[in-house]
Amino acid sequence: MNQTFDLIIRGATCIATEGAGAADVGVRDGLTAAIGDLSGASAGEVIEAAGLHLLPGVIDTQVHFREPGNEHKEDLESGSRAAVMGGVTAVFEMPNTSPATTTAEALADKLARARDRMWCDHAFYIGASAENADQLAELEILPGCCGVKIFMGSSTGTLLVADDETLALVLASGKRRVAIHAEDEARLIERRALADEGGVSQHPVWRDAETAFRATRRIVNLARAAGRPVHVLHVTTAREMEFLAKQGYRQR
């Protein structure tokens, strides 16, 4: 039977889980309907893509679109439009906006702002705080929420969760994997003067490898005690990676 598609992309080098290879891709109703030899199929539109690479859309699980509060930097519309232009078809947006996304009302506001303005699929993190720690089990399963984000180092508004007692309360509330910004606040406070000695260029000096490692070690131990899965974001040091590997965590 002759297959019919809305669009066929012919002869591209397709990147898939099993590797790279030449294939045709058939699209129907906006979805990928077939991948393989579609030489006998027809379509309303055909793109000859021999010599070109075809990649699946990227899911970016950590974006900071500055709406609400700092739209002069970026907003949901412009950030998602840039994402699509770069091949990103879905984003998880972070909660350190102003106000921070720590309540059901703040999440609903973001979803309303995104409606008919964002160019890609999207979901939003709920930010953990001392004030909402006992509500996170309900907040994390709200429609449009992709999970909980913890900031262990200095952040926006009330989003800082620095002490082990509050971190344990957050980890005890809910079941989904928690995203972690792992920086040790006590060490950041000790080294605060370093941030004033050159502005932005001092960022990696003030927030150094030891700051990241201390927080990583603490949150992994707390997560194990709570039986809660966590994902440590932007792991950048060899010590962090070695420690996570020894604890049974792996890079994704």
Protein backbone atom coordinates (compact mmCIF):
# COMPACT_ATOMS: atom_id res chain seq x y z
CA MET A 1 0.00 0.00 0.00
CA ASN A 2 1.30 3.43 -0.95
CA GLN A 3 1.86 5.48 2.19
CA THR A 4 0.90 9.14 2.18
CA PHE A 5 2.45 11.82 4.38
CA ASP A 6 2.15 15.55 4.75
CA LEU A 7 5.93 15.85 4.47
CA ILE A 8 8.80 13.55 3.55
CA ILE A 9 12.43 14.46 4.23
CA ARG A 10 14.44 12.24 1.91
CA GLY A 11 17.96 10.92 2.23
CA ALA A 12 19.16 12.85 5.27
CA THR A 13 21.77 11.44 7.62
CA CYS A 14 19.47 10.81 10.59
CA ILE A 15 20.83 10.85 14.13
CA ALA A 16 18.98 8.33 16.30
CA THR A 17 19.57 6.24 19.41
CA GLU A 18 21.07 3.43 17.36
CA GLY A 19 23.51 5.75 15.59
CA ALA A 20 23.67 7.74 12.36
CA GLY A 21 22.54 6.59 8.93
CA ALA A 22 20.76 7.66 5.77
CA ALA A 23 16.97 7.45 5.97
CA ASP A 24 13.74 9.10 4.90
CA VAL A 25 11.42 10.64 7.50
CA GLY A 26 7.67 10.84 6.98
CA VAL A 27 5.64 13.44 8.88
CA ARG A 28 1.87 13.31 9.33
CA ASP A 29 -0.27 15.71 11.38
CA GLY A 30 2.86 17.37 12.73
CA LEU A 31 4.32 14.13 14.10
CA THR A 32 7.05 11.79 12.89
CA ALA A 33 5.10 8.86 11.44
CA ALA A 34 7.83 6.76 9.79
CA ILE A 35 11.61 6.54 9.48
CA GLY A 36 13.27 4.36 6.86
CA ASP A 37 13.04 3.75 3.13
CA LEU A 38 10.00 5.72 1.98
CA SER A 39 10.86 5.67 -1.72
CA GLY A 40 7.41 4.29 -2.52
CA ALA A 41 5.56 6.87 -0.44
CA SER A 42 4.08 10.19 -1.48
CA ALA A 43 3.68 13.49 0.32
CA GLY A 44 2.28 16.96 -0.10
CA GLU A 45 5.79 18.32 0.35
CA VAL A 46 9.15 16.63 -0.19
CA ILE A 47 12.50 17.97 1.00
CA GLU A 48 15.58 16.47 -0.61
CA ALA A 49 18.12 16.34 2.23
CA ALA A 50 20.97 14.18 0.90
CA GLY A 51 24.23 15.41 2.39
CA LEU A 52 22.45 17.07 5.32
CA HIS A 53 22.03 15.88 8.91
CA LEU A 54 18.63 15.53 10.56
CA LEU A 55 18.52 15.54 14.36
CA PRO A 56 15.58 15.04 16.74
CA GLY A 57 14.43 18.12 18.60
CA VAL A 58 16.43 18.86 21.74
CA ILE A 59 14.82 19.03 25.19
CA ASP A 60 16.56 21.70 27.26
CA THR A 61 15.86 20.94 30.92
CA GLN A 62 17.39 24.14 32.31
CA VAL A 63 16.49 27.49 30.82
CA HIS A 64 16.18 30.88 32.52
CA PHE A 65 13.59 33.02 30.73
CA ARG A 66 13.34 36.12 32.92
CA GLU A 67 9.59 36.53 32.98
CA PRO A 68 8.07 37.78 35.21
CA GLY A 69 10.22 40.51 36.67
CA ASN A 70 13.13 41.00 34.29
CA GLU A 71 11.60 41.06 30.83
CA HIS A 72 14.15 43.66 29.74
CA LYS A 73 16.64 40.77 29.67
CA GLU A 74 14.41 38.14 28.04
CA ASP A 75 10.84 36.88 28.20
CA LEU A 76 8.97 33.65 27.53
CA GLU A 77 8.24 34.59 23.94
CA SER A 78 11.73 35.68 22.93
CA GLY A 79 13.47 32.89 24.85
CA SER A 80 11.32 30.15 23.35
CA ARG A 81 11.69 31.63 19.86
CA ALA A 82 15.47 31.52 20.24
CA ALA A 83 15.22 27.93 21.50
CA VAL A 84 13.30 26.81 18.43
CA MET A 85 15.77 28.55 16.12
CA GLY A 86 18.50 26.46 17.76
CA GLY A 87 16.68 23.14 17.37
CA VAL A 88 15.23 23.02 20.89
CA THR A 89 11.61 21.84 20.83
CA ALA A 90 10.87 21.64 24.57
CA VAL A 91 12.13 23.58 27.59
CA PHE A 92 11.93 23.32 31.39
CA GLU A 93 12.08 26.86 32.78
CA MET A 94 13.63 27.77 36.12
CA PRO A 95 11.83 29.37 39.09
CA ASN A 96 14.22 32.22 39.99
CA THR A 97 12.01 34.92 38.50
CA SER A 98 10.50 37.86 40.37
CA PRO A 99 8.33 36.83 42.06
CA ALA A 100 9.82 33.37 42.34
CA THR A 101 7.77 30.38 41.20
CA THR A 102 7.10 28.85 44.63
CA THR A 103 3.30 28.65 44.73
CA ALA A 104 0.46 27.22 42.69
CA GLU A 105 -0.60 30.76 41.85
CA ALA A 106 2.86 31.68 40.52
CA LEU A 107 2.94 28.53 38.39
CA ALA A 108 -0.53 29.29 37.02
CA ASP A 109 0.63 32.81 36.17
CA LYS A 110 3.58 31.49 34.16
CA LEU A 111 1.36 29.03 32.30
CA ALA A 112 -1.04 31.86 31.48
CA ARG A 113 1.80 34.07 30.26
CA ALA A 114 3.09 31.21 28.09
CA ARG A 115 -0.25 30.50 26.43
CA ASP A 116 -0.17 31.48 22.73
CA ARG A 117 3.24 33.16 23.24
CA MET A 118 5.76 30.35 23.62
CA TRP A 119 6.97 28.68 20.44
CA CYS A 120 7.89 25.28 21.88
CA ASP A 121 6.62 22.75 24.39
CA HIS A 122 7.30 23.91 27.92
CA ALA A 123 7.00 23.18 31.63
CA PHE A 124 8.07 25.08 34.72
CA TYR A 125 9.97 24.19 37.89
CA ILE A 126 8.59 24.91 41.34
CA GLY A 127 11.30 26.44 43.50
CA ALA A 128 11.81 24.91 46.94
CA SER A 129 11.89 27.21 49.96
CA ALA A 130 11.52 27.00 53.71
CA GLU A 131 8.01 28.44 53.31
CA ASN A 132 6.69 25.80 50.90
CA ALA A 133 8.65 22.71 51.97
CA ASP A 134 5.55 20.97 53.35
CA GLN A 135 3.54 21.72 50.17
CA LEU A 136 5.98 20.42 47.57
CA ALA A 137 4.40 16.97 47.25
CA GLU A 138 1.23 18.66 45.94
CA LEU A 139 3.01 21.38 43.97
CA GLU A 140 5.30 19.00 42.05
CA ILE A 141 2.35 17.15 40.46
CA LEU A 142 0.44 20.22 39.27
CA PRO A 143 -0.15 20.35 35.50
CA GLY A 144 2.69 22.26 33.87
CA CYS A 145 5.23 21.51 36.62
CA CYS A 146 8.31 19.58 35.52
CA GLY A 147 9.68 19.15 39.05
CA VAL A 148 11.24 20.83 42.07
CA LYS A 149 14.41 22.94 41.97
CA ILE A 150 16.61 23.52 45.02
CA PHE A 151 19.12 26.36 45.20
CA MET A 152 21.67 25.55 47.91
CA GLY A 153 23.68 28.70 47.15
CA SER A 154 22.66 32.37 47.03
CA SER A 155 19.69 32.93 44.75
CA THR A 156 16.60 35.05 44.12
CA GLY A 157 14.15 36.01 46.87
CA THR A 158 13.31 33.16 49.24
CA LEU A 159 14.70 30.41 46.99
CA LEU A 160 17.84 29.83 49.08
CA VAL A 161 17.69 26.51 50.97
CA ALA A 162 21.07 26.39 52.67
CA ASP A 163 20.82 24.33 55.88
CA ASP A 164 20.60 20.56 56.14
CA GLU A 165 17.45 20.61 58.28
CA THR A 166 15.41 22.50 55.67
CA LEU A 167 16.94 20.50 52.82
CA ALA A 168 15.82 17.31 54.57
CA LEU A 169 12.26 18.69 54.88
CA VAL A 170 12.22 19.51 51.16
CA LEU A 171 13.50 16.07 50.19
CA ALA A 172 10.91 14.39 52.43
CA SER A 173 8.05 16.13 50.61
CA GLY A 174 7.27 14.41 47.32
CA LYS A 175 8.63 11.61 45.15
CA ARG A 176 9.81 13.07 41.85
CA ARG A 177 13.47 13.61 41.04
CA VAL A 178 14.70 16.95 42.41
CA ALA A 179 17.02 19.25 40.46
CA ILE A 180 19.84 20.68 42.57
CA HIS A 181 21.96 23.82 42.24
CA ALA A 182 24.80 22.63 44.47
CA GLU A 183 26.84 25.42 46.05
CA ASP A 184 27.70 25.63 49.73
CA GLU A 185 26.23 28.88 51.08
CA ALA A 186 28.42 28.98 54.20
CA ARG A 187 31.54 28.96 52.03
CA LEU A 188 30.05 31.59 49.71
CA ILE A 189 29.49 33.86 52.71
CA GLU A 190 33.06 33.28 53.93
CA ARG A 191 34.44 34.23 50.51
CA ARG A 192 31.99 37.04 49.68
CA ALA A 193 34.69 39.70 49.51
CA LEU A 194 36.23 37.89 46.53
CA ALA A 195 33.16 38.70 44.47
CA ASP A 196 33.89 42.42 44.76
CA GLU A 197 37.42 42.24 43.35
CA GLY A 198 36.69 42.35 39.64
CA GLY A 199 32.99 41.87 39.08
CA VAL A 200 31.80 39.08 36.81
CA SER A 201 35.32 37.79 36.17
CA GLN A 202 35.49 36.76 39.85
CA HIS A 203 32.53 34.41 39.58
CA PRO A 204 34.61 31.18 39.29
CA VAL A 205 36.97 32.42 42.01
CA TRP A 206 34.25 33.17 44.54
CA ARG A 207 32.08 30.16 43.58
CA ASP A 208 35.04 27.80 43.35
CA ALA A 209 35.32 24.02 42.97
CA GLU A 210 35.39 23.41 46.71
CA THR A 211 32.12 25.34 47.10
CA ALA A 212 30.49 23.04 44.56
CA PHE A 213 31.99 19.86 45.98
CA ARG A 214 30.94 20.54 49.57
CA ALA A 215 27.32 21.09 48.53
CA THR A 216 27.32 18.05 46.24
CA ARG A 217 28.55 15.80 49.04
CA ARG A 218 25.93 17.18 51.44
CA ILE A 219 22.95 16.85 49.10
CA VAL A 220 23.85 13.32 48.00
CA ASN A 221 24.09 12.17 51.61
CA LEU A 222 20.78 13.86 52.45
CA ALA A 223 19.09 12.39 49.38
CA ARG A 224 20.25 8.89 50.29
CA ALA A 225 18.91 9.32 53.81
CA ALA A 226 15.55 10.50 52.43
CA GLY A 227 15.42 7.88 49.68
CA ARG A 228 14.84 10.68 47.18
CA PRO A 229 16.30 10.76 43.63
CA VAL A 230 18.17 13.95 42.74
CA HIS A 231 19.86 15.38 39.68
CA VAL A 232 22.86 17.61 40.40
CA LEU A 233 22.87 20.26 37.69
CA HIS A 234 25.93 21.60 35.88
CA VAL A 235 28.51 19.30 37.48
CA THR A 236 31.82 20.88 36.53
CA THR A 237 34.59 19.53 38.73
CA ALA A 238 36.44 16.23 38.64
CA ARG A 239 35.89 15.80 42.39
CA GLU A 240 32.13 16.18 41.98
CA MET A 241 31.99 13.68 39.13
CA GLU A 242 34.19 11.19 40.97
CA PHE A 243 32.10 11.49 44.13
CA LEU A 244 28.81 11.07 42.25
CA ALA A 245 30.18 8.03 40.40
CA LYS A 246 31.22 6.39 43.67
CA GLN A 247 27.74 7.04 45.05
CA GLY A 248 26.11 5.29 42.12
CA TYR A 249 24.96 8.42 40.29
CA ARG A 250 25.79 8.76 36.61
CA GLN A 251 25.93 11.58 34.13
CA ARG A 252 22.87 11.78 31.88
